């Protein structure tokens, strides 16, 4: 089970990072505020998913 988390945790963190960079890039270039808002909401959702995955990994590693 821990080998599954070795792949899922970096993917979850990478997804958060990519969406964060896209959102910041859109704001810096003066893009649509609506697009920035959607990207930042997606980032928050992905952060929640990443935290759940990380907590599950910690839980299953202790077992």
N, C-alpha and C. Protein backbone atom coordinates (compact mmCIF):
# COMPACT_ATOMS: atom_id res chain seq x y z
N UNK A 1 0.82 -1.19 0.00
CA UNK A 1 0.00 0.00 0.00
C UNK A 1 0.86 1.26 0.00
N UNK A 2 2.00 1.20 0.68
CA UNK A 2 2.85 2.40 0.75
C UNK A 2 3.45 2.74 -0.61
N UNK A 3 3.64 1.74 -1.47
CA UNK A 3 4.18 2.05 -2.79
C UNK A 3 3.18 2.84 -3.63
N UNK A 4 1.90 2.62 -3.39
CA UNK A 4 0.87 3.40 -4.09
C UNK A 4 1.00 4.87 -3.70
N UNK A 5 1.17 5.12 -2.42
CA UNK A 5 1.28 6.50 -1.94
C UNK A 5 2.58 7.17 -2.39
N UNK A 6 3.61 6.38 -2.66
CA UNK A 6 4.86 6.96 -3.16
C UNK A 6 4.66 7.63 -4.50
N UNK A 7 3.65 7.21 -5.25
CA UNK A 7 3.36 7.83 -6.54
C UNK A 7 2.24 8.85 -6.46
N UNK A 8 1.25 8.61 -5.61
CA UNK A 8 0.10 9.50 -5.54
C UNK A 8 0.43 10.83 -4.86
N UNK A 9 1.22 10.81 -3.80
CA UNK A 9 1.54 12.04 -3.06
C UNK A 9 2.28 13.05 -3.95
N UNK A 10 3.34 12.67 -4.67
CA UNK A 10 3.99 13.66 -5.54
C UNK A 10 3.08 14.17 -6.66
N UNK A 11 2.22 13.30 -7.17
CA UNK A 11 1.29 13.74 -8.23
C UNK A 11 0.32 14.78 -7.67
N UNK A 12 -0.19 14.55 -6.47
CA UNK A 12 -1.11 15.50 -5.86
C UNK A 12 -0.43 16.84 -5.60
N UNK A 13 0.78 16.80 -5.08
CA UNK A 13 1.52 18.04 -4.82
C UNK A 13 1.88 18.75 -6.13
N UNK A 14 2.25 17.97 -7.13
CA UNK A 14 2.56 18.55 -8.44
C UNK A 14 1.36 19.22 -9.06
N UNK A 15 0.18 18.61 -8.93
CA UNK A 15 -1.04 19.21 -9.48
C UNK A 15 -1.34 20.55 -8.81
N UNK A 16 -1.17 20.62 -7.51
CA UNK A 16 -1.38 21.88 -6.79
C UNK A 16 -0.40 22.94 -7.29
N UNK A 17 0.85 22.55 -7.44
CA UNK A 17 1.87 23.49 -7.89
C UNK A 17 1.59 24.01 -9.29
N UNK A 18 1.20 23.12 -10.18
CA UNK A 18 0.92 23.53 -11.57
C UNK A 18 -0.24 24.52 -11.63
N UNK A 19 -1.32 24.22 -10.91
CA UNK A 19 -2.47 25.12 -10.93
C UNK A 19 -2.11 26.46 -10.28
N UNK A 20 -1.30 26.42 -9.23
CA UNK A 20 -0.86 27.66 -8.58
C UNK A 20 -0.06 28.52 -9.55
N UNK A 21 0.87 27.91 -10.26
CA UNK A 21 1.71 28.65 -11.22
C UNK A 21 0.86 29.23 -12.34
N UNK A 22 -0.08 28.43 -12.87
CA UNK A 22 -0.97 28.95 -13.92
C UNK A 22 -1.80 30.13 -13.42
N UNK A 23 -2.32 30.03 -12.19
CA UNK A 23 -3.11 31.12 -11.64
C UNK A 23 -2.29 32.38 -11.43
N UNK A 24 -1.09 32.22 -10.90
CA UNK A 24 -0.23 33.38 -10.70
C UNK A 24 0.20 34.00 -12.03
N UNK A 25 0.51 33.16 -12.99
CA UNK A 25 0.90 33.65 -14.31
C UNK A 25 -0.25 34.43 -14.95
N UNK A 26 -1.46 33.92 -14.81
CA UNK A 26 -2.61 34.60 -15.39
C UNK A 26 -2.82 35.96 -14.72
N UNK A 27 -2.64 36.05 -13.41
CA UNK A 27 -2.80 37.32 -12.72
C UNK A 27 -1.69 38.30 -13.10
N UNK A 28 -0.47 37.80 -13.22
CA UNK A 28 0.66 38.68 -13.52
C UNK A 28 0.59 39.26 -14.93
N UNK A 29 0.06 38.51 -15.86
CA UNK A 29 -0.01 39.02 -17.23
C UNK A 29 -1.27 39.84 -17.47
N UNK A 30 -2.09 39.98 -16.45
CA UNK A 30 -3.30 40.80 -16.58
C UNK A 30 -4.43 40.05 -17.28
N UNK A 31 -4.49 38.76 -17.10
CA UNK A 31 -5.54 37.95 -17.71
C UNK A 31 -6.89 38.18 -17.06
N UNK A 32 -7.83 37.40 -17.48
CA UNK A 32 -9.19 37.51 -16.98
C UNK A 32 -9.25 37.22 -15.47
N UNK A 33 -9.86 38.12 -14.71
CA UNK A 33 -10.01 37.86 -13.27
C UNK A 33 -10.88 36.62 -13.01
N UNK A 34 -11.82 36.36 -13.91
CA UNK A 34 -12.68 35.19 -13.75
C UNK A 34 -11.87 33.91 -13.86
N UNK A 35 -10.92 33.88 -14.80
CA UNK A 35 -10.06 32.70 -14.96
C UNK A 35 -9.17 32.52 -13.74
N UNK A 36 -8.62 33.61 -13.23
CA UNK A 36 -7.78 33.54 -12.02
C UNK A 36 -8.58 33.00 -10.84
N UNK A 37 -9.82 33.46 -10.73
CA UNK A 37 -10.68 33.00 -9.64
C UNK A 37 -10.95 31.50 -9.74
N UNK A 38 -11.22 31.03 -10.95
CA UNK A 38 -11.47 29.60 -11.16
C UNK A 38 -10.22 28.78 -10.85
N UNK A 39 -9.06 29.26 -11.27
CA UNK A 39 -7.82 28.54 -10.99
C UNK A 39 -7.51 28.50 -9.50
N UNK A 40 -7.77 29.57 -8.80
CA UNK A 40 -7.49 29.58 -7.37
C UNK A 40 -8.48 28.69 -6.61
N UNK A 41 -9.72 28.63 -7.08
CA UNK A 41 -10.68 27.70 -6.46
C UNK A 41 -10.27 26.25 -6.72
N UNK A 42 -9.80 25.98 -7.93
CA UNK A 42 -9.31 24.64 -8.25
C UNK A 42 -8.10 24.30 -7.39
N UNK A 43 -7.23 25.28 -7.15
CA UNK A 43 -6.06 25.06 -6.29
C UNK A 43 -6.47 24.68 -4.88
N UNK A 44 -7.47 25.36 -4.34
CA UNK A 44 -7.94 25.04 -2.99
C UNK A 44 -8.50 23.62 -2.94
N UNK A 45 -9.25 23.23 -3.95
CA UNK A 45 -9.79 21.87 -4.02
C UNK A 45 -8.66 20.85 -4.10
N UNK A 46 -7.68 21.12 -4.95
CA UNK A 46 -6.55 20.20 -5.08
C UNK A 46 -5.72 20.14 -3.79
N UNK A 47 -5.60 21.25 -3.09
CA UNK A 47 -4.90 21.24 -1.81
C UNK A 47 -5.62 20.35 -0.81
N UNK A 48 -6.94 20.42 -0.79
CA UNK A 48 -7.72 19.57 0.10
C UNK A 48 -7.48 18.10 -0.23
N UNK A 49 -7.52 17.77 -1.51
CA UNK A 49 -7.29 16.39 -1.94
C UNK A 49 -5.87 15.95 -1.56
N UNK A 50 -4.89 16.83 -1.77
CA UNK A 50 -3.51 16.49 -1.44
C UNK A 50 -3.35 16.24 0.06
N UNK A 51 -4.00 17.05 0.88
CA UNK A 51 -3.91 16.86 2.33
C UNK A 51 -4.54 15.53 2.73
N UNK A 52 -5.68 15.20 2.14
CA UNK A 52 -6.33 13.93 2.45
C UNK A 52 -5.43 12.76 2.06
N UNK A 53 -4.81 12.85 0.88
CA UNK A 53 -3.92 11.78 0.42
C UNK A 53 -2.71 11.66 1.34
N UNK A 54 -2.13 12.78 1.73
CA UNK A 54 -0.96 12.75 2.62
C UNK A 54 -1.33 12.17 3.99
N UNK A 55 -2.47 12.57 4.51
CA UNK A 55 -2.90 12.03 5.80
C UNK A 55 -3.17 10.54 5.71
N UNK A 56 -3.75 10.09 4.61
CA UNK A 56 -3.97 8.64 4.42
C UNK A 56 -2.65 7.90 4.34
N UNK A 57 -1.67 8.50 3.66
CA UNK A 57 -0.36 7.88 3.56
C UNK A 57 0.28 7.74 4.93
N UNK A 58 0.18 8.78 5.73
CA UNK A 58 0.73 8.72 7.09
C UNK A 58 0.01 7.66 7.91
N UNK A 59 -1.29 7.60 7.79
CA UNK A 59 -2.08 6.63 8.54
C UNK A 59 -1.68 5.21 8.17
N UNK A 60 -1.57 4.91 6.88
CA UNK A 60 -1.27 3.56 6.46
C UNK A 60 0.20 3.18 6.67
N UNK A 61 1.09 4.15 6.75
CA UNK A 61 2.48 3.84 7.03
C UNK A 61 2.70 3.45 8.49
N UNK A 62 1.86 3.95 9.38
CA UNK A 62 1.97 3.62 10.80
C UNK A 62 1.42 2.24 11.11
N UNK A 63 0.62 1.68 10.23
CA UNK A 63 -0.01 0.37 10.49
C UNK A 63 0.94 -0.73 10.28
